Structure formats: C-alpha cells, structure tokens
Amino acid sequence: MKKTMIIALGLALVSCQLFAKNPATLPQKNAKIYVASSDPKAAALGSKTLEKWGYWDVVPDKKDADYIVDYNIKKTWLITFLTPNLRGRACITNAQTGEAVYTSRHANSSMRAISFNHRKTVIKKLNRFLQQEVG
C-alpha cells in the first residue's frame, strides 16, 4: 500500500513537470517554426493553419527552424458508434537543444460535431490551444 502511494505521488510530480509551461521558453512572435507529424496530411494542414495565423514564420526546412511543432495524431475507435475517432496532441520542442517547451492537452474529433474531416478538427483544436498559450 505504501509503495503504491509513493509511486502515485512520484508519477503525479513527474506529470506536473512534463506539462509545465514556462512563458519565457515558448516561441516568441516571428520565431521560425517547422511543422512535423507522422501523418503528412496533418503536417501540411498544421503548417497551413499556422501560416494563416501569422504569429510565427513557418519554414519548409527543419535546419532553418528555431522550434519544431510536432502533431501526434492517432486513430482510436469509439465502441458505441463503431466509427473512427482521431485524438491528438501538439508538442513544441527547441530545435537547437531538443528540449520540450510545451505539450498541449489532448484534442479529439468529437462525434457530436458534424465533421467529415476529423484530422482538420483535431488540428484546429490543437492550434487553438497553442494560440491560447502563446498570445
């Protein structure tokens, strides 16, 4: 019992540190951002929406970037509806040091909203999270 309490407390402390956000380390206005994802369509869509926002400069080459925005999107299945659902998270890392600067909360394509493009729904939510944190 005592071991599980210590482990739970340790995990809670580690998770608090993982999701801590330091405003000084977040990318400032006009920082060079490279958009990455394991899903090429998500990377293209994320890049397009970040360019439209205009707060950061999106660069096409990773070596020119100050920060990397990585969209991690996975397909999940809702048992009740037997339909695919996408769940994602955005992570910003410093390109020079590799240090994770920001990790967003999860966003998923909700079945309540009528959306035929689940990827676009998740990317829009993740970018809204980024906009709320940065400016």
C-alpha atoms as a PDB file:
ATOM      1  CA  MET A   1       0.000   0.000   0.000  1.00  0.00           C
ATOM      2  CA  LYS A   2       2.778   2.398   0.960  1.00  0.00           C
ATOM      3  CA  LYS A   3       4.715   1.590  -2.231  1.00  0.00           C
ATOM      4  CA  THR A   4       1.742   2.338  -4.456  1.00  0.00           C
ATOM      5  CA  MET A   5       1.151   5.663  -2.704  1.00  0.00           C
ATOM      6  CA  ILE A   6       4.798   6.644  -3.251  1.00  0.00           C
ATOM      7  CA  ILE A   7       4.668   5.585  -6.900  1.00  0.00           C
ATOM      8  CA  ALA A   8       1.422   7.504  -7.464  1.00  0.00           C
ATOM      9  CA  LEU A   9       2.884  10.613  -5.846  1.00  0.00           C
ATOM     10  CA  GLY A  10       6.047  10.302  -7.936  1.00  0.00           C
ATOM     11  CA  LEU A  11       4.029   9.961 -11.155  1.00  0.00           C
ATOM     12  CA  ALA A  12       1.939  12.987 -10.225  1.00  0.00           C
ATOM     13  CA  LEU A  13       5.055  15.091  -9.664  1.00  0.00           C
ATOM     14  CA  VAL A  14       6.651  13.918 -12.904  1.00  0.00           C
ATOM     15  CA  SER A  15       3.484  14.633 -14.912  1.00  0.00           C
ATOM     16  CA  CYS A  16       3.287  18.136 -13.428  1.00  0.00           C
ATOM     17  CA  GLN A  17       6.824  18.772 -14.632  1.00  0.00           C
ATOM     18  CA  LEU A  18       6.106  17.322 -18.072  1.00  0.00           C
ATOM     19  CA  PHE A  19       3.202  19.654 -18.675  1.00  0.00           C
ATOM     20  CA  ALA A  20       4.701  22.725 -17.013  1.00  0.00           C
ATOM     21  CA  LYS A  21       4.807  25.705 -19.291  1.00  0.00           C
ATOM     22  CA  ASN A  22       7.392  28.415 -18.924  1.00  0.00           C
ATOM     23  CA  PRO A  23       6.277  31.511 -20.872  1.00  0.00           C
ATOM     24  CA  ALA A  24       9.897  32.618 -21.281  1.00  0.00           C
ATOM     25  CA  THR A  25      10.758  29.477 -23.271  1.00  0.00           C
ATOM     26  CA  LEU A  26       7.680  29.487 -25.529  1.00  0.00           C
ATOM     27  CA  PRO A  27       8.344  30.686 -29.086  1.00  0.00           C
ATOM     28  CA  GLN A  28       8.044  34.457 -29.388  1.00  0.00           C
ATOM     29  CA  LYS A  29       6.374  36.314 -32.236  1.00  0.00           C
ATOM     30  CA  ASN A  30       8.072  35.794 -35.625  1.00  0.00           C
ATOM     31  CA  ALA A  31      10.039  32.752 -34.404  1.00  0.00           C
ATOM     32  CA  LYS A  32      10.882  30.259 -37.149  1.00  0.00           C
ATOM     33  CA  ILE A  33       8.725  27.142 -36.800  1.00  0.00           C
ATOM     34  CA  TYR A  34       8.979  23.816 -38.595  1.00  0.00           C
ATOM     35  CA  VAL A  35       5.848  21.655 -38.570  1.00  0.00           C
ATOM     36  CA  ALA A  36       6.297  17.891 -38.246  1.00  0.00           C
ATOM     37  CA  SER A  37       3.976  14.924 -37.869  1.00  0.00           C
ATOM     38  CA  SER A  38       3.940  11.205 -38.519  1.00  0.00           C
ATOM     39  CA  ASP A  39       0.882  11.949 -40.673  1.00  0.00           C
ATOM     40  CA  PRO A  40       1.950  14.030 -43.722  1.00  0.00           C
ATOM     41  CA  LYS A  41      -1.565  15.386 -44.239  1.00  0.00           C
ATOM     42  CA  ALA A  42      -1.687  16.580 -40.624  1.00  0.00           C
ATOM     43  CA  ALA A  43       1.693  18.306 -41.036  1.00  0.00           C
ATOM     44  CA  ALA A  44       0.524  20.082 -44.195  1.00  0.00           C
ATOM     45  CA  LEU A  45      -2.744  21.140 -42.584  1.00  0.00           C
ATOM     46  CA  GLY A  46      -0.999  22.279 -39.399  1.00  0.00           C
ATOM     47  CA  SER A  47       1.526  24.263 -41.419  1.00  0.00           C
ATOM     48  CA  LYS A  48      -1.253  25.904 -43.425  1.00  0.00           C
ATOM     49  CA  THR A  49      -3.250  26.928 -40.342  1.00  0.00           C
ATOM     50  CA  LEU A  50      -0.168  28.254 -38.526  1.00  0.00           C
ATOM     51  CA  GLU A  51       0.769  30.320 -41.595  1.00  0.00           C
ATOM     52  CA  LYS A  52      -2.773  31.676 -41.692  1.00  0.00           C
ATOM     53  CA  TRP A  53      -2.496  32.661 -38.016  1.00  0.00           C
ATOM     54  CA  GLY A  54       0.671  34.619 -38.853  1.00  0.00           C
ATOM     55  CA  TYR A  55       2.189  34.724 -35.366  1.00  0.00           C
ATOM     56  CA  TRP A  56       5.182  32.547 -36.295  1.00  0.00           C
ATOM     57  CA  ASP A  57       7.118  32.159 -39.534  1.00  0.00           C
ATOM     58  CA  VAL A  58       6.657  28.623 -40.838  1.00  0.00           C
ATOM     59  CA  VAL A  59       9.795  27.367 -42.585  1.00  0.00           C
ATOM     60  CA  PRO A  60       9.918  24.410 -45.004  1.00  0.00           C
ATOM     61  CA  ASP A  61      13.289  23.071 -43.789  1.00  0.00           C
ATOM     62  CA  LYS A  62      13.941  21.677 -40.317  1.00  0.00           C
ATOM     63  CA  LYS A  63      17.509  23.035 -40.130  1.00  0.00           C
ATOM     64  CA  ASP A  64      16.266  26.638 -40.531  1.00  0.00           C
ATOM     65  CA  ALA A  65      13.821  26.376 -37.614  1.00  0.00           C
ATOM     66  CA  ASP A  66      14.141  27.689 -34.067  1.00  0.00           C
ATOM     67  CA  TYR A  67      11.313  25.452 -32.836  1.00  0.00           C
ATOM     68  CA  ILE A  68       9.558  22.324 -34.055  1.00  0.00           C
ATOM     69  CA  VAL A  69       5.812  21.861 -33.674  1.00  0.00           C
ATOM     70  CA  ASP A  70       5.017  18.147 -33.765  1.00  0.00           C
ATOM     71  CA  TYR A  71       1.429  16.982 -34.182  1.00  0.00           C
ATOM     72  CA  ASN A  72       0.995  13.498 -32.742  1.00  0.00           C
ATOM     73  CA  ILE A  73      -2.323  12.183 -34.071  1.00  0.00           C
ATOM     74  CA  LYS A  74      -3.641   8.667 -33.574  1.00  0.00           C
ATOM     75  CA  LYS A  75      -6.778   6.890 -34.665  1.00  0.00           C
ATOM     76  CA  THR A  76      -8.995   5.489 -31.933  1.00  0.00           C
ATOM     77  CA  TRP A  77     -12.290   3.661 -32.204  1.00  0.00           C
ATOM     78  CA  LEU A  78     -15.421   4.525 -30.332  1.00  0.00           C
ATOM     79  CA  ILE A  79     -17.055   1.265 -29.353  1.00  0.00           C
ATOM     80  CA  THR A  80     -20.523   2.754 -29.073  1.00  0.00           C
ATOM     81  CA  PHE A  81     -20.586   4.141 -32.588  1.00  0.00           C
ATOM     82  CA  LEU A  82     -18.059   1.822 -34.248  1.00  0.00           C
ATOM     83  CA  THR A  83     -16.611   4.806 -36.073  1.00  0.00           C
ATOM     84  CA  PRO A  84     -13.054   6.096 -36.190  1.00  0.00           C
ATOM     85  CA  ASN A  85     -12.103   8.981 -33.959  1.00  0.00           C
ATOM     86  CA  LEU A  86      -8.839  10.923 -34.044  1.00  0.00           C
ATOM     87  CA  ARG A  87      -7.024  12.000 -30.913  1.00  0.00           C
ATOM     88  CA  GLY A  88      -4.002  14.264 -30.951  1.00  0.00           C
ATOM     89  CA  ARG A  89      -1.557  16.355 -29.028  1.00  0.00           C
ATOM     90  CA  ALA A  90       0.843  19.127 -30.081  1.00  0.00           C
ATOM     91  CA  CYS A  91       4.375  19.354 -28.739  1.00  0.00           C
ATOM     92  CA  ILE A  92       6.788  22.253 -29.262  1.00  0.00           C
ATOM     93  CA  THR A  93      10.487  21.469 -28.955  1.00  0.00           C
ATOM     94  CA  ASN A  94      13.500  23.727 -29.203  1.00  0.00           C
ATOM     95  CA  ALA A  95      15.287  22.803 -32.434  1.00  0.00           C
ATOM     96  CA  GLN A  96      18.779  23.517 -31.075  1.00  0.00           C
ATOM     97  CA  THR A  97      18.528  21.783 -27.684  1.00  0.00           C
ATOM     98  CA  GLY A  98      15.773  19.232 -28.340  1.00  0.00           C
ATOM     99  CA  GLU A  99      14.092  20.287 -25.090  1.00  0.00           C
ATOM    100  CA  ALA A 100      10.286  20.021 -24.970  1.00  0.00           C
ATOM    101  CA  VAL A 101       8.981  23.529 -24.347  1.00  0.00           C
ATOM    102  CA  TYR A 102       5.230  22.920 -24.487  1.00  0.00           C
ATOM    103  CA  THR A 103       2.900  19.946 -24.641  1.00  0.00           C
ATOM    104  CA  SER A 104      -0.776  20.581 -25.246  1.00  0.00           C
ATOM    105  CA  ARG A 105      -3.662  18.732 -23.714  1.00  0.00           C
ATOM    106  CA  HIS A 106      -5.367  16.115 -25.864  1.00  0.00           C
ATOM    107  CA  ALA A 107      -7.836  17.091 -28.545  1.00  0.00           C
ATOM    108  CA  ASN A 108     -10.156  14.687 -30.299  1.00  0.00           C
ATOM    109  CA  SER A 109     -12.647  14.807 -33.103  1.00  0.00           C
ATOM    110  CA  SER A 110     -15.973  14.763 -31.374  1.00  0.00           C
ATOM    111  CA  MET A 111     -18.812  12.722 -32.763  1.00  0.00           C
ATOM    112  CA  ARG A 112     -21.233  15.393 -31.567  1.00  0.00           C
ATOM    113  CA  ALA A 113     -19.911  17.864 -34.110  1.00  0.00           C
ATOM    114  CA  ILE A 114     -20.755  17.091 -37.697  1.00  0.00           C
ATOM    115  CA  SER A 115     -17.351  16.887 -39.286  1.00  0.00           C
ATOM    116  CA  PHE A 116     -16.317  14.737 -42.190  1.00  0.00           C
ATOM    117  CA  ASN A 117     -12.667  15.679 -41.819  1.00  0.00           C
ATOM    118  CA  HIS A 118     -11.608  14.506 -38.370  1.00  0.00           C
ATOM    119  CA  ARG A 119      -7.952  15.397 -38.959  1.00  0.00           C
ATOM    120  CA  LYS A 120      -8.872  19.024 -39.651  1.00  0.00           C
ATOM    121  CA  THR A 121     -10.999  19.156 -36.496  1.00  0.00           C
ATOM    122  CA  VAL A 122      -8.138  17.900 -34.313  1.00  0.00           C
ATOM    123  CA  ILE A 123      -5.553  20.230 -35.902  1.00  0.00           C
ATOM    124  CA  LYS A 124      -7.845  23.243 -35.464  1.00  0.00           C
ATOM    125  CA  LYS A 125      -8.373  22.388 -31.778  1.00  0.00           C
ATOM    126  CA  LEU A 126      -4.643  21.914 -31.190  1.00  0.00           C
ATOM    127  CA  ASN A 127      -3.846  25.219 -32.869  1.00  0.00           C
ATOM    128  CA  ARG A 128      -6.494  26.907 -30.723  1.00  0.00           C
ATOM    129  CA  PHE A 129      -4.697  25.513 -27.654  1.00  0.00           C
ATOM    130  CA  LEU A 130      -1.390  26.926 -28.994  1.00  0.00           C
ATOM    131  CA  GLN A 131      -2.946  30.331 -29.619  1.00  0.00           C
ATOM    132  CA  GLN A 132      -4.376  30.448 -26.099  1.00  0.00           C
ATOM    133  CA  GLU A 133      -0.974  29.665 -24.564  1.00  0.00           C
ATOM    134  CA  VAL A 134       1.150  31.967 -26.686  1.00  0.00           C
ATOM    135  CA  GLY A 135      -0.916  35.016 -27.213  1.00  0.00           C
END
